[in-house]
């Protein structure tokens, strides 16, 4: 139960700070996958209950609109004039491109929207890992000159300013988003890149601060903030909630007040 509660605490913390439900679940995916079926069902029920309570609180806090009665000349006119003929319904149009598509959960059979990551009923993983068998394209010289280029064999290095310690990751080889943040003694949840030893707590780094993922089509590393308390900045510009930004070689990535220097290393390069 403690592990489930830790996941729930991280989820609600990200949601309270503005992260979308899907982004929060995706960030916690690697931890949710460790749960068995009954534990996932329990977690899904807790999340559903929290979301319902949160929605109810927001509804109660909204001001109620007042419907004004029709009085005077307008009322008399409306009663005297015959009602306008009903407008015939428009002919059925073809299904719009952005129409909601529903898929059945392979575990419990409940309907979920295609973009969802986990089944809302039982917590089963719905999405599939992107294919590992896609044809690899070799980079040409113009690609390597682009500071944003990140190939299939490149390495992402993050170095805290004032330190020689380097955190090396390869998001393109991971089946989940790379989470950057800090671990804490009171939680069993730890990020992939743990900045705890860099005085992260004092510098305002959240436990689940940001997510890194690889885009094979753009050959780029994408970063998104996970509703952190003190924000994520790239070269001094804040990454807004729900915004996805591309990292470049040489960028300064700031989490709260902790600065990380970004560098890309490619095969064949001399260090």
Protein backbone atom coordinates (compact mmCIF):
# COMPACT_ATOMS: atom_id res chain seq x y z
CA UNK A 1 0.00 0.00 0.00
CA UNK A 2 2.89 2.37 0.70
CA UNK A 3 4.14 2.08 -2.88
CA UNK A 4 0.65 2.72 -4.26
CA UNK A 5 0.31 5.73 -1.98
CA UNK A 6 3.69 7.05 -3.11
CA UNK A 7 2.56 6.84 -6.74
CA UNK A 8 -0.73 8.53 -5.89
CA UNK A 9 1.07 11.31 -4.00
CA UNK A 10 3.35 12.00 -6.96
CA UNK A 11 0.38 11.94 -9.34
CA UNK A 12 -1.75 14.36 -7.31
CA UNK A 13 1.24 16.62 -6.71
CA UNK A 14 1.85 16.97 -10.45
CA UNK A 15 -1.86 17.49 -11.13
CA UNK A 16 -2.12 20.17 -8.43
CA UNK A 17 0.76 22.02 -10.08
CA UNK A 18 -0.92 22.03 -13.49
CA UNK A 19 0.25 18.83 -15.21
CA UNK A 20 -2.29 17.02 -17.39
CA UNK A 21 -3.54 13.61 -16.28
CA UNK A 22 -1.93 11.85 -19.24
CA UNK A 23 1.44 13.54 -18.68
CA UNK A 24 1.42 12.60 -14.98
CA UNK A 25 0.53 8.96 -15.73
CA UNK A 26 3.14 8.77 -18.45
CA UNK A 27 5.80 10.08 -16.05
CA UNK A 28 4.84 7.41 -13.52
CA UNK A 29 4.44 4.64 -16.08
CA UNK A 30 7.61 2.74 -15.12
CA UNK A 31 6.39 2.55 -11.51
CA UNK A 32 2.81 1.61 -12.39
CA UNK A 33 4.06 -1.25 -14.54
CA UNK A 34 5.58 -2.83 -11.42
CA UNK A 35 2.13 -3.25 -9.86
CA UNK A 36 0.10 -6.40 -10.26
CA UNK A 37 -3.47 -6.40 -11.58
CA UNK A 38 -5.22 -5.87 -8.24
CA UNK A 39 -2.78 -3.11 -7.26
CA UNK A 40 -3.37 -1.31 -10.56
CA UNK A 41 -7.12 -1.55 -10.03
CA UNK A 42 -6.67 -0.10 -6.56
CA UNK A 43 -4.52 2.74 -7.88
CA UNK A 44 -6.98 3.45 -10.71
CA UNK A 45 -9.83 3.67 -8.18
CA UNK A 46 -7.85 6.08 -5.99
CA UNK A 47 -6.98 8.27 -8.97
CA UNK A 48 -10.58 8.22 -10.21
CA UNK A 49 -11.83 9.20 -6.75
CA UNK A 50 -9.30 12.04 -6.50
CA UNK A 51 -10.15 13.34 -9.98
CA UNK A 52 -13.89 13.28 -9.19
CA UNK A 53 -13.37 15.17 -5.93
CA UNK A 54 -11.10 17.67 -7.65
CA UNK A 55 -13.67 18.26 -10.41
CA UNK A 56 -16.45 18.69 -7.84
CA UNK A 57 -14.43 21.26 -5.89
CA UNK A 58 -13.77 23.26 -9.06
CA UNK A 59 -17.47 23.17 -9.93
CA UNK A 60 -18.46 24.46 -6.49
CA UNK A 61 -15.96 27.31 -6.73
CA UNK A 62 -17.36 28.63 -10.02
CA UNK A 63 -19.82 31.57 -9.80
CA UNK A 64 -23.37 30.63 -10.76
CA UNK A 65 -24.96 32.55 -13.63
CA UNK A 66 -28.36 34.19 -13.04
CA UNK A 67 -31.07 33.73 -15.66
CA UNK A 68 -33.12 36.94 -15.96
CA UNK A 69 -36.88 36.56 -16.62
CA UNK A 70 -38.39 38.10 -19.76
CA UNK A 71 -40.43 41.14 -18.75
CA UNK A 72 -42.27 44.07 -20.30
CA UNK A 73 -42.63 44.60 -24.03
CA UNK A 74 -40.34 41.71 -24.93
CA UNK A 75 -42.57 39.25 -23.06
CA UNK A 76 -45.70 40.61 -24.69
CA UNK A 77 -44.18 40.50 -28.13
CA UNK A 78 -42.95 36.97 -27.70
CA UNK A 79 -46.41 35.80 -26.66
CA UNK A 80 -48.15 37.60 -29.52
CA UNK A 81 -45.91 36.59 -32.38
CA UNK A 82 -46.15 33.05 -33.74
CA UNK A 83 -43.16 30.91 -32.97
CA UNK A 84 -40.56 30.56 -35.68
CA UNK A 85 -40.67 27.31 -37.61
CA UNK A 86 -38.20 24.72 -36.39
CA UNK A 87 -34.93 24.55 -38.25
CA UNK A 88 -34.57 21.20 -39.96
CA UNK A 89 -31.59 19.18 -38.79
CA UNK A 90 -28.52 19.39 -40.94
CA UNK A 91 -27.70 16.29 -42.96
CA UNK A 92 -25.18 14.04 -41.26
CA UNK A 93 -21.67 15.13 -42.08
CA UNK A 94 -18.73 12.88 -42.51
CA UNK A 95 -16.86 12.08 -39.32
CA UNK A 96 -14.40 14.91 -38.52
CA UNK A 97 -10.74 14.14 -38.39
CA UNK A 98 -10.53 14.97 -34.68
CA UNK A 99 -13.49 12.78 -33.68
CA UNK A 100 -12.96 10.78 -30.51
CA UNK A 101 -11.84 7.23 -31.15
CA UNK A 102 -12.55 4.60 -28.52
CA UNK A 103 -10.58 1.43 -27.90
CA UNK A 104 -11.36 -1.49 -25.64
CA UNK A 105 -9.00 -2.31 -22.79
CA UNK A 106 -7.47 -5.75 -23.48
CA UNK A 107 -7.69 -6.54 -19.76
CA UNK A 108 -11.20 -5.55 -18.66
CA UNK A 109 -12.92 -4.61 -21.93
CA UNK A 110 -13.86 -1.08 -20.83
CA UNK A 111 -13.87 1.66 -23.47
CA UNK A 112 -11.08 4.22 -23.34
CA UNK A 113 -10.13 7.09 -25.61
CA UNK A 114 -7.31 6.09 -27.93
CA UNK A 115 -4.90 8.71 -26.58
CA UNK A 116 -5.13 7.44 -22.99
CA UNK A 117 -2.08 5.65 -21.57
CA UNK A 118 -3.71 3.55 -18.84
CA UNK A 119 -7.19 2.09 -18.65
CA UNK A 120 -9.33 4.33 -16.47
CA UNK A 121 -11.20 1.30 -15.08
CA UNK A 122 -8.43 -1.13 -14.17
CA UNK A 123 -5.15 0.70 -14.75
CA UNK A 124 -3.93 -1.66 -17.48
CA UNK A 125 -1.32 -0.24 -19.86
CA UNK A 126 -3.07 0.65 -23.12
CA UNK A 127 -0.41 2.16 -25.34
CA UNK A 128 2.27 0.13 -27.01
CA UNK A 129 5.94 0.92 -27.06
CA UNK A 130 7.05 2.50 -30.30
CA UNK A 131 8.51 -0.04 -32.67
CA UNK A 132 12.18 -0.78 -32.27
CA UNK A 133 12.41 -2.18 -35.82
CA UNK A 134 12.01 1.08 -37.72
CA UNK A 135 14.59 1.64 -40.43
CA UNK A 136 17.50 3.67 -39.12
CA UNK A 137 18.72 6.59 -41.20
CA UNK A 138 22.34 7.62 -41.20
CA UNK A 139 23.01 11.24 -40.41
CA UNK A 140 24.67 13.37 -43.03
CA UNK A 141 27.08 16.22 -42.38
CA UNK A 142 24.33 18.87 -42.36
CA UNK A 143 22.44 16.97 -39.63
CA UNK A 144 25.48 16.81 -37.38
CA UNK A 145 26.00 20.55 -37.73
CA UNK A 146 22.52 21.15 -36.32
CA UNK A 147 22.74 21.73 -32.55
CA UNK A 148 19.33 20.11 -32.12
CA UNK A 149 20.20 16.88 -33.92
CA UNK A 150 20.16 13.76 -31.72
CA UNK A 151 20.72 10.47 -33.52
CA UNK A 152 19.89 6.90 -32.65
CA UNK A 153 23.35 6.40 -31.13
CA UNK A 154 23.85 9.82 -29.56
CA UNK A 155 24.29 10.39 -25.82
CA UNK A 156 22.67 13.14 -23.76
CA UNK A 157 24.93 14.50 -21.01
CA UNK A 158 23.70 16.76 -18.21
CA UNK A 159 26.29 18.47 -16.01
CA UNK A 160 25.39 20.54 -12.97
CA UNK A 161 27.08 23.94 -13.13
CA UNK A 162 30.11 24.04 -10.85
CA UNK A 163 30.43 20.26 -10.82
CA UNK A 164 32.40 17.72 -12.84
CA UNK A 165 29.76 15.01 -12.35
CA UNK A 166 27.89 14.19 -15.55
CA UNK A 167 24.56 12.38 -15.87
CA UNK A 168 24.48 10.44 -19.15
CA UNK A 169 21.21 9.14 -20.58
CA UNK A 170 20.01 7.74 -23.90
CA UNK A 171 16.27 8.49 -24.12
CA UNK A 172 16.06 6.82 -27.53
CA UNK A 173 16.87 3.47 -25.90
CA UNK A 174 14.28 3.80 -23.14
CA UNK A 175 10.73 2.43 -23.28
CA UNK A 176 9.51 5.25 -21.05
CA UNK A 177 10.09 8.95 -20.57
CA UNK A 178 13.28 9.88 -18.71
CA UNK A 179 12.26 11.66 -15.52
CA UNK A 180 14.59 14.25 -14.00
CA UNK A 181 14.08 15.28 -10.38
CA UNK A 182 15.15 14.26 -6.89
CA UNK A 183 14.45 11.35 -4.60
CA UNK A 184 13.38 11.82 -1.00
CA UNK A 185 13.72 9.61 2.05
CA UNK A 186 9.95 9.51 2.55
CA UNK A 187 9.06 8.13 -0.87
CA UNK A 188 9.86 4.92 -2.76
CA UNK A 189 9.57 6.79 -6.08
CA UNK A 190 12.90 7.86 -7.58
CA UNK A 191 13.50 9.66 -10.90
CA UNK A 192 15.76 8.31 -13.62
CA UNK A 193 18.13 11.25 -13.18
CA UNK A 194 18.34 11.84 -9.43
CA UNK A 195 19.71 15.26 -8.49
CA UNK A 196 19.39 14.70 -4.75
CA UNK A 197 23.15 14.99 -4.16
CA UNK A 198 23.26 18.35 -5.94
CA UNK A 199 21.33 20.09 -3.12
CA UNK A 200 18.27 19.76 -5.31
CA UNK A 201 15.76 20.16 -2.48
CA UNK A 202 17.31 23.45 -1.34
CA UNK A 203 17.46 24.70 -4.94
CA UNK A 204 13.75 24.09 -5.57
CA UNK A 205 13.85 20.92 -7.69
CA UNK A 206 10.62 18.89 -7.53
CA UNK A 207 10.67 15.11 -7.06
CA UNK A 208 9.18 14.63 -10.53
CA UNK A 209 10.36 17.84 -12.17
CA UNK A 210 10.56 17.29 -15.93
CA UNK A 211 10.35 14.59 -18.59
CA UNK A 212 12.68 13.91 -21.51
CA UNK A 213 11.69 11.83 -24.52
CA UNK A 214 13.10 11.08 -27.93
CA UNK A 215 11.34 12.00 -31.16
CA UNK A 216 12.67 9.64 -33.86
CA UNK A 217 11.02 11.60 -36.68
CA UNK A 218 12.59 14.93 -35.76
CA UNK A 219 15.71 13.25 -34.32
CA UNK A 220 15.38 15.49 -31.30
CA UNK A 221 15.16 15.39 -27.51
CA UNK A 222 11.90 16.90 -26.25
CA UNK A 223 11.42 18.28 -22.75
CA UNK A 224 8.22 19.04 -20.84
CA UNK A 225 7.64 20.32 -17.32
CA UNK A 226 5.67 18.01 -14.99
CA UNK A 227 3.94 20.73 -13.02
CA UNK A 228 7.05 21.52 -10.98
CA UNK A 229 6.70 23.97 -8.11
CA UNK A 230 9.51 26.29 -9.27
CA UNK A 231 9.48 25.84 -13.02
CA UNK A 232 11.75 24.67 -15.81
CA UNK A 233 13.76 27.11 -17.93
CA UNK A 234 15.75 26.69 -21.16
CA UNK A 235 18.30 29.46 -21.67
CA UNK A 236 16.36 31.63 -19.23
CA UNK A 237 12.98 31.14 -20.93
CA UNK A 238 10.35 29.30 -18.94
CA UNK A 239 8.83 26.12 -20.32
CA UNK A 240 5.11 26.79 -19.98
CA UNK A 241 2.61 24.21 -18.68
CA UNK A 242 1.63 21.67 -21.37
CA UNK A 243 4.42 23.04 -23.61
CA UNK A 244 6.92 20.73 -25.32
CA UNK A 245 10.32 22.16 -26.23
CA UNK A 246 13.33 20.72 -28.05
CA UNK A 247 16.74 20.64 -26.38
CA UNK A 248 19.91 21.68 -28.20
CA UNK A 249 23.58 21.04 -27.60
CA UNK A 250 24.90 23.80 -25.33
CA UNK A 251 21.53 24.72 -23.78
CA UNK A 252 21.30 25.79 -20.16
CA UNK A 253 18.50 23.81 -18.51
CA UNK A 254 17.40 25.27 -15.18
CA UNK A 255 15.23 23.41 -12.66
CA UNK A 256 14.20 25.85 -9.98
CA UNK A 257 17.61 27.36 -9.20
CA UNK A 258 19.68 24.32 -10.23
CA UNK A 259 21.47 24.83 -13.55
CA UNK A 260 22.32 21.92 -15.86
CA UNK A 261 24.51 22.27 -18.95
CA UNK A 262 23.23 20.20 -21.87
CA UNK A 263 25.58 18.51 -24.31
CA UNK A 264 25.08 15.93 -27.09
CA UNK A 265 27.76 13.43 -27.98
CA UNK A 266 27.65 11.61 -31.31
CA UNK A 267 29.47 8.47 -32.49
CA UNK A 268 32.96 9.19 -33.80
CA UNK A 269 33.30 12.52 -32.05
CA UNK A 270 36.45 13.18 -30.07
CA UNK A 271 35.92 14.22 -26.44
